[in-house]
Amino acid sequence: MFGWLFKKKTDREKLDLQYKKLKVKAYELSKTDRKASDAMNAEAEGVANMIEELDMLEAKARNEAKN
């Protein structure tokens, strides 16, 4: 009945949320501190790479399960 309400977030959803927060923070910092903004963008890119790796692993697992 309340399954949709208390659904746990997947690793992908957590990483997406973290990436979005970092990008917003980087944008806010870009107005005042460019060096800190660049650091936030670099951290966001690291999270984006983790998302890509996770997607590749999930695709590989689906492909193996399919065969």
Foldseek 3Di string as FASTA:
>chain_A
DCCVVPPDDDPLRVLVVVLVVLQVVLVVCVVPPPVVSVVSVVVSVVSVVVNVVVVVVVVVVVVVVVD
